[in-house]
Amino acid sequence: MLEIDGAYGEGGGQILRNAVALSTLLKKPIKITNIRANRPNPGIKAQHYVAIKSIAELCDAEASGFEIGSSELEFKPGKIKGGRYKFEVGTAGSITLVFQACILALVNAKEPVTISLTGGTDVKWSPSWDYFEHVYVPLLKKMGVSVYPKLILRGYYPKGGGEAVITVKPTEKLKPLKFKDEQEFKKAAGKINISNLPEHIITRMRHKAIKTLLKNDIMSSIDVEQTTSLSPGVGLTLWTQTKDCLLGNAVLGEKGLGSEEVGMMAANNLLKEIGSEVNLDVYAFDQILPYMVLAKKEGASSCKIRELTSHASTNMWLLQQFFDVDFEAAQNEDSIDIKVF
């Protein structure tokens, strides 16, 4: 049984979710100790519990120490079963984080799996739904992972109530991720999602984002999705692409953060990535990293990123517990060249 130190590095829920997903993928029993030991409220929290529960049901796993607050977990995966599943993340727990863990666990599945989740679609500390749909999923498809997302209803903090569905089809062969050296970004797209809030917020946010991008010679088109949900909420996701590359960024509205600030922050964050001449944004790199490792038997993956976050470094360490893999990072003036081999 492989033992994982849940307090290593960044020491958050990512270790827990990815370790359980990789355990299922490789059919390798694991024991995770010191779960979130350095956090103010250590142990398994409700949102982590749902991710583990979902994966456990997908593969009929045996788990001990599987309860909220637990600092240790033993997980023995079984065989993935195709079909349809429905889980509740609860209140505004992140739907996208649970989906990401499930997709990773299902890479070697032999039958299609459809998962329906209720919870939060656009909440703090997790990918927005639009980032998940327009950046993360297309990058997975570029690598050979077939995921089909569908949004039913938005859900925001604190009540959640959102719903989304994904279908994951069997992966024939994972492809290494490689990019051409030079990218030229001329256009951006985006979406404002808003619920139970005044319309003037849309106008101000949209105008500021478009104006900020235009100052840097990036034309943009931003759609608006107005809806009704259990809690009010607003967010802006932007993305830009070439034939070879896709970058994105999302900013969630919150109290004390003006509409113009959200628009400007989202635009400036995207411009930061473009200006560094990268081909994966910092969030996508972290999220796609396990697939780059899985694809290495078909060849080395390589990319250019703006910075190597502690989140990504922790993810690299975790992957090295499961795989014989090396990471090479070469610092440039404004970016880092990464190779996975």
Protein backbone atom coordinates (compact mmCIF):
# COMPACT_ATOMS: atom_id res chain seq x y z
CA MET A 1 0.00 0.00 0.00
CA LEU A 2 1.42 3.34 -1.10
CA GLU A 3 1.57 5.87 1.76
CA ILE A 4 1.08 9.58 0.94
CA ASP A 5 1.87 12.47 3.29
CA GLY A 6 -1.20 14.69 3.03
CA ALA A 7 0.64 17.61 4.63
CA TYR A 8 3.40 17.77 2.03
CA GLY A 9 4.02 21.10 0.26
CA GLU A 10 0.83 23.03 -0.31
CA GLY A 11 -0.89 20.32 1.71
CA GLY A 12 -4.48 21.00 0.65
CA GLY A 13 -7.42 19.12 -0.80
CA GLN A 14 -5.65 18.66 -4.13
CA ILE A 15 -3.43 15.93 -2.67
CA LEU A 16 -6.49 14.12 -1.38
CA ARG A 17 -8.52 14.34 -4.62
CA ASN A 18 -5.67 13.53 -6.99
CA ALA A 19 -4.28 10.71 -4.85
CA VAL A 20 -7.66 8.96 -4.73
CA ALA A 21 -8.17 9.52 -8.47
CA LEU A 22 -4.70 8.13 -9.32
CA SER A 23 -5.24 5.20 -6.94
CA THR A 24 -8.41 4.32 -8.87
CA LEU A 25 -6.77 4.86 -12.26
CA LEU A 26 -3.80 2.61 -11.44
CA LYS A 27 -5.76 0.15 -9.24
CA LYS A 28 -3.22 0.85 -6.48
CA PRO A 29 -4.32 0.92 -2.80
CA ILE A 30 -3.17 3.99 -0.87
CA LYS A 31 -2.99 5.36 2.66
CA ILE A 32 -3.07 9.14 3.07
CA THR A 33 -1.84 10.45 6.43
CA ASN A 34 -1.68 13.96 7.95
CA ILE A 35 -4.59 15.09 5.78
CA ARG A 36 -4.51 18.91 5.56
CA ALA A 37 -2.54 18.83 8.84
CA ASN A 38 -1.22 22.40 8.52
CA ARG A 39 -4.58 23.99 7.74
CA PRO A 40 -6.70 25.92 10.31
CA ASN A 41 -9.38 23.19 10.11
CA PRO A 42 -7.39 20.02 9.36
CA GLY A 43 -8.74 16.72 8.11
CA ILE A 44 -11.26 15.80 5.43
CA LYS A 45 -13.81 18.56 4.80
CA ALA A 46 -17.27 18.19 3.26
CA GLN A 47 -16.20 19.12 -0.29
CA HIS A 48 -13.33 16.58 -0.20
CA TYR A 49 -15.64 13.93 1.22
CA VAL A 50 -17.96 14.22 -1.82
CA ALA A 51 -15.09 13.85 -4.30
CA ILE A 52 -13.83 10.70 -2.55
CA LYS A 53 -17.35 9.31 -2.18
CA SER A 54 -18.06 9.86 -5.87
CA ILE A 55 -14.88 8.11 -7.01
CA ALA A 56 -15.41 5.31 -4.47
CA GLU A 57 -18.84 4.63 -5.93
CA LEU A 58 -17.54 4.74 -9.50
CA CYS A 59 -15.07 1.94 -8.73
CA ASP A 60 -16.78 0.13 -5.83
CA ALA A 61 -13.84 0.93 -3.53
CA GLU A 62 -13.23 -0.03 0.08
CA ALA A 63 -12.33 2.92 2.31
CA SER A 64 -11.49 3.25 6.00
CA GLY A 65 -11.13 6.52 7.88
CA PHE A 66 -13.59 7.91 5.40
CA GLU A 67 -15.40 10.57 7.39
CA ILE A 68 -15.42 14.35 7.73
CA GLY A 69 -12.59 15.48 10.04
CA SER A 70 -10.53 12.33 9.56
CA SER A 71 -6.75 12.82 9.29
CA GLU A 72 -6.09 9.41 7.71
CA LEU A 73 -7.68 7.55 4.82
CA GLU A 74 -7.09 4.08 3.42
CA PHE A 75 -8.50 3.62 -0.07
CA LYS A 76 -8.64 0.31 -1.96
CA PRO A 77 -10.10 0.78 -5.45
CA GLY A 78 -12.15 -1.78 -7.32
CA LYS A 79 -13.15 -1.93 -10.97
CA ILE A 80 -14.67 1.10 -12.73
CA LYS A 81 -18.31 0.53 -13.66
CA GLY A 82 -19.83 2.31 -16.64
CA GLY A 83 -23.28 3.88 -16.49
CA ARG A 84 -25.00 6.91 -15.04
CA TYR A 85 -24.32 8.39 -11.59
CA LYS A 86 -25.75 11.28 -9.61
CA PHE A 87 -24.05 12.92 -6.61
CA GLU A 88 -24.73 15.97 -4.46
CA VAL A 89 -21.75 18.15 -3.57
CA GLY A 90 -23.98 20.01 -1.11
CA THR A 91 -24.56 23.76 -0.66
CA ALA A 92 -21.91 25.59 -2.73
CA GLY A 93 -19.17 22.93 -2.79
CA SER A 94 -17.34 23.02 -6.12
CA ILE A 95 -18.81 20.90 -8.89
CA THR A 96 -15.81 21.49 -11.16
CA LEU A 97 -13.25 20.20 -8.63
CA VAL A 98 -15.24 16.98 -8.16
CA PHE A 99 -15.57 16.57 -11.94
CA GLN A 100 -11.82 17.03 -12.39
CA ALA A 101 -11.07 14.26 -9.87
CA CYS A 102 -13.63 11.92 -11.46
CA ILE A 103 -12.33 12.51 -15.01
CA LEU A 104 -8.78 11.63 -13.94
CA ALA A 105 -10.01 8.45 -12.26
CA LEU A 106 -11.88 7.46 -15.45
CA VAL A 107 -9.03 7.75 -17.98
CA ASN A 108 -8.70 3.94 -18.24
CA ALA A 109 -12.46 3.23 -18.07
CA LYS A 110 -13.70 0.71 -20.65
CA GLU A 111 -17.27 2.01 -20.80
CA PRO A 112 -18.83 5.50 -21.00
CA VAL A 113 -19.67 7.12 -17.66
CA THR A 114 -22.17 9.95 -17.16
CA ILE A 115 -22.06 11.91 -13.90
CA SER A 116 -24.59 14.47 -12.70
CA LEU A 117 -23.60 16.76 -9.83
CA THR A 118 -25.45 19.39 -7.83
CA GLY A 119 -23.64 22.10 -5.85
CA GLY A 120 -21.67 25.23 -6.77
CA THR A 121 -20.73 25.86 -10.40
CA ASP A 122 -18.96 29.20 -9.82
CA VAL A 123 -17.35 29.45 -6.39
CA LYS A 124 -14.05 30.64 -4.88
CA TRP A 125 -10.85 28.59 -5.04
CA SER A 126 -12.00 26.46 -7.96
CA PRO A 127 -12.32 26.69 -11.76
CA SER A 128 -15.41 28.56 -12.93
CA TRP A 129 -17.83 26.50 -15.01
CA ASP A 130 -16.94 28.50 -18.13
CA TYR A 131 -13.20 27.95 -17.58
CA PHE A 132 -13.91 24.24 -17.13
CA GLU A 133 -15.98 24.09 -20.33
CA HIS A 134 -14.00 26.42 -22.60
CA VAL A 135 -10.39 25.90 -21.45
CA TYR A 136 -9.92 22.73 -19.39
CA VAL A 137 -12.11 20.34 -21.41
CA PRO A 138 -10.71 21.45 -24.83
CA LEU A 139 -7.17 20.91 -23.51
CA LEU A 140 -8.13 17.41 -22.38
CA LYS A 141 -9.58 16.70 -25.82
CA LYS A 142 -6.33 17.90 -27.40
CA MET A 143 -4.63 15.14 -25.41
CA GLY A 144 -7.17 12.47 -26.39
CA VAL A 145 -9.55 12.50 -23.37
CA SER A 146 -13.20 12.62 -24.49
CA VAL A 147 -15.29 14.69 -22.06
CA TYR A 148 -18.69 16.20 -22.88
CA PRO A 149 -19.90 18.83 -20.35
CA LYS A 150 -23.39 20.25 -20.01
CA LEU A 151 -24.50 23.02 -17.64
CA ILE A 152 -28.06 22.72 -16.32
CA LEU A 153 -28.18 25.47 -13.68
CA ARG A 154 -25.72 27.90 -12.06
CA GLY A 155 -25.02 27.64 -8.35
CA TYR A 156 -23.28 30.30 -6.22
CA TYR A 157 -22.17 30.69 -2.60
CA PRO A 158 -23.69 30.12 -0.06
CA LYS A 159 -26.71 28.04 -1.14
CA GLY A 160 -25.37 26.39 -4.28
CA GLY A 161 -28.17 24.52 -6.03
CA GLY A 162 -26.35 24.43 -9.36
CA GLU A 163 -26.35 21.36 -11.58
CA ALA A 164 -24.10 20.08 -14.34
CA VAL A 165 -23.50 16.82 -16.20
CA ILE A 166 -20.46 15.31 -17.87
CA THR A 167 -20.08 12.21 -20.00
CA VAL A 168 -16.60 10.65 -20.14
CA LYS A 169 -16.01 8.21 -23.00
CA PRO A 170 -13.17 5.64 -23.09
CA THR A 171 -9.77 7.11 -23.98
CA GLU A 172 -8.16 5.31 -26.92
CA LYS A 173 -4.71 6.81 -26.53
CA LEU A 174 -3.33 9.77 -24.59
CA LYS A 175 -1.24 12.18 -26.65
CA PRO A 176 1.69 14.21 -25.31
CA LEU A 177 1.08 17.94 -25.07
CA LYS A 178 3.34 20.01 -27.31
CA PHE A 179 3.12 23.52 -28.72
CA LYS A 180 4.74 25.60 -31.42
CA ASP A 181 7.28 28.08 -30.09
CA GLU A 182 5.53 31.29 -31.09
CA GLN A 183 1.88 32.18 -30.59
CA GLU A 184 0.08 35.31 -31.74
CA PHE A 185 -3.09 36.16 -29.86
CA LYS A 186 -5.36 38.68 -31.57
CA LYS A 187 -8.84 37.92 -30.22
CA ALA A 188 -10.41 36.95 -26.91
CA ALA A 189 -13.81 35.51 -26.04
CA GLY A 190 -15.61 35.42 -22.75
CA LYS A 191 -18.76 35.04 -20.75
CA ILE A 192 -20.32 36.94 -17.88
CA ASN A 193 -22.59 34.78 -15.75
CA ILE A 194 -24.94 36.68 -13.45
CA SER A 195 -27.88 35.83 -11.23
CA ASN A 196 -30.27 37.91 -9.12
CA LEU A 197 -28.24 41.12 -9.54
CA PRO A 198 -28.84 44.48 -11.33
CA GLU A 199 -28.19 44.68 -15.08
CA HIS A 200 -25.88 47.70 -14.81
CA ILE A 201 -23.25 45.33 -13.35
CA ILE A 202 -23.09 43.54 -16.71
CA THR A 203 -22.59 46.75 -18.69
CA ARG A 204 -19.81 48.09 -16.47
CA MET A 205 -17.97 44.78 -16.18
CA ARG A 206 -18.17 44.00 -19.88
CA HIS A 207 -17.15 47.49 -20.99
CA LYS A 208 -14.10 47.55 -18.68
CA ALA A 209 -12.86 44.14 -19.82
CA ILE A 210 -13.27 44.94 -23.52
CA LYS A 211 -11.59 48.36 -23.13
CA THR A 212 -8.65 46.92 -21.16
CA LEU A 213 -8.04 44.22 -23.75
CA LEU A 214 -8.38 46.67 -26.64
CA LYS A 215 -5.69 48.92 -25.17
CA ASN A 216 -3.38 45.97 -25.72
CA ASP A 217 -4.60 45.31 -29.29
CA ILE A 218 -6.81 42.36 -28.33
CA MET A 219 -10.30 42.46 -29.81
CA SER A 220 -12.89 40.68 -27.68
CA SER A 221 -16.44 39.39 -27.70
CA ILE A 222 -18.07 38.75 -24.31
CA ASP A 223 -21.41 36.94 -24.05
CA VAL A 224 -23.80 37.29 -21.12
CA GLU A 225 -25.77 34.56 -19.36
CA GLN A 226 -28.46 35.89 -17.03
CA THR A 227 -30.19 33.39 -14.83
CA THR A 228 -32.01 32.89 -11.54
CA SER A 229 -30.42 30.82 -8.78
CA LEU A 230 -30.71 30.18 -5.04
CA SER A 231 -28.01 32.79 -4.28
CA PRO A 232 -26.96 35.91 -6.18
CA GLY A 233 -23.67 35.74 -8.01
CA VAL A 234 -21.60 37.07 -10.89
CA GLY A 235 -18.37 36.09 -12.60
CA LEU A 236 -16.36 36.72 -15.75
CA THR A 237 -14.33 34.14 -17.64
CA LEU A 238 -12.07 35.13 -20.55
CA TRP A 239 -10.12 32.94 -22.95
CA THR A 240 -7.98 33.40 -26.05
CA GLN A 241 -6.67 30.88 -28.54
CA THR A 242 -4.64 30.22 -31.63
CA LYS A 243 -4.75 27.06 -33.76
CA ASP A 244 -2.27 25.53 -31.36
CA CYS A 245 -2.83 27.14 -27.97
CA LEU A 246 -5.54 28.12 -25.46
CA LEU A 247 -5.23 30.42 -22.43
CA GLY A 248 -7.90 31.42 -19.93
CA ASN A 249 -8.69 33.23 -16.70
CA ALA A 250 -11.73 33.74 -14.47
CA VAL A 251 -12.63 36.26 -11.76
CA LEU A 252 -15.59 35.81 -9.45
CA GLY A 253 -17.50 38.83 -8.20
CA GLU A 254 -17.66 39.33 -4.44
CA LYS A 255 -18.62 41.93 -1.87
CA GLY A 256 -16.27 44.90 -1.91
CA LEU A 257 -15.11 44.19 -5.45
CA GLY A 258 -16.63 46.60 -7.99
CA SER A 259 -17.90 45.52 -11.42
CA GLU A 260 -15.16 47.48 -13.21
CA GLU A 261 -12.55 45.85 -10.98
CA VAL A 262 -13.75 42.38 -11.93
CA GLY A 263 -13.63 43.28 -15.64
CA MET A 264 -10.19 44.84 -15.36
CA MET A 265 -8.75 42.02 -13.24
CA ALA A 266 -9.94 39.31 -15.63
CA ALA A 267 -8.55 41.20 -18.63
CA ASN A 268 -5.23 42.02 -16.97
CA ASN A 269 -4.75 38.46 -15.76
CA LEU A 270 -5.23 37.18 -19.30
CA LEU A 271 -2.91 39.84 -20.68
CA LYS A 272 -0.25 38.73 -18.15
CA GLU A 273 -0.32 35.25 -19.65
CA ILE A 274 -0.23 36.58 -23.22
CA GLY A 275 2.62 38.98 -22.40
CA SER A 276 4.74 36.18 -20.97
CA GLU A 277 4.47 34.37 -24.31
CA VAL A 278 3.29 31.16 -22.66
CA ASN A 279 1.21 28.35 -24.11
CA LEU A 280 -0.49 27.16 -20.90
CA ASP A 281 -1.86 29.47 -18.22
CA VAL A 282 -0.78 28.76 -14.63
CA TYR A 283 -4.10 27.14 -13.69
CA ALA A 284 -4.33 24.92 -16.76
CA PHE A 285 -0.78 23.66 -16.24
CA ASP A 286 -1.58 22.48 -12.74
CA GLN A 287 -4.80 20.80 -13.87
CA ILE A 288 -3.38 19.16 -17.01
CA LEU A 289 -0.13 17.97 -15.39
CA PRO A 290 -1.38 14.44 -14.49
CA TYR A 291 -2.33 13.83 -18.13
CA MET A 292 1.09 14.97 -19.31
CA VAL A 293 2.58 12.32 -17.02
CA LEU A 294 0.14 9.65 -18.21
CA ALA A 295 0.98 10.43 -21.84
CA LYS A 296 4.75 10.17 -21.42
CA LYS A 297 4.89 6.60 -22.76
CA GLU A 298 3.84 8.16 -26.10
CA GLY A 299 6.50 10.86 -25.78
CA ALA A 300 7.58 13.79 -23.62
CA SER A 301 5.17 16.70 -23.09
CA SER A 302 6.48 20.24 -22.99
CA CYS A 303 5.03 23.68 -22.42
CA LYS A 304 5.85 27.22 -21.38
CA ILE A 305 4.25 28.73 -18.26
CA ARG A 306 4.45 32.09 -16.50
CA GLU A 307 5.27 30.75 -13.04
CA LEU A 308 5.50 27.49 -11.16
CA THR A 309 3.02 27.73 -8.28
CA SER A 310 3.28 25.86 -4.98
CA HIS A 311 0.10 24.07 -6.02
CA ALA A 312 1.80 22.77 -9.18
CA SER A 313 5.01 21.85 -7.32
CA THR A 314 2.97 19.80 -4.84
CA ASN A 315 1.19 18.12 -7.74
CA MET A 316 4.57 17.21 -9.28
CA TRP A 317 5.68 15.64 -6.00
CA LEU A 318 2.46 13.63 -5.74
CA LEU A 319 2.77 12.34 -9.30
CA GLN A 320 6.31 11.17 -8.54
CA GLN A 321 4.89 9.01 -5.73
CA PHE A 322 2.87 7.09 -8.32
CA PHE A 323 5.05 7.24 -11.44
CA ASP A 324 8.65 7.09 -12.56
CA VAL A 325 8.63 10.60 -14.02
CA ASP A 326 10.98 13.55 -14.21
CA PHE A 327 10.21 17.25 -14.55
CA GLU A 328 12.62 19.75 -16.04
CA ALA A 329 12.09 23.49 -15.46
CA ALA A 330 14.23 26.11 -17.21
CA GLN A 331 13.73 29.76 -16.19
CA ASN A 332 13.50 32.37 -18.96
CA GLU A 333 13.14 36.12 -18.49
CA ASP A 334 9.31 36.09 -18.36
CA SER A 335 8.44 32.40 -18.40
CA ILE A 336 9.48 28.85 -17.49
CA ASP A 337 10.03 26.02 -19.99
CA ILE A 338 8.64 22.76 -18.59
CA LYS A 339 9.36 19.26 -19.85
CA VAL A 340 7.69 16.09 -18.55
CA PHE A 341 9.54 12.86 -19.35
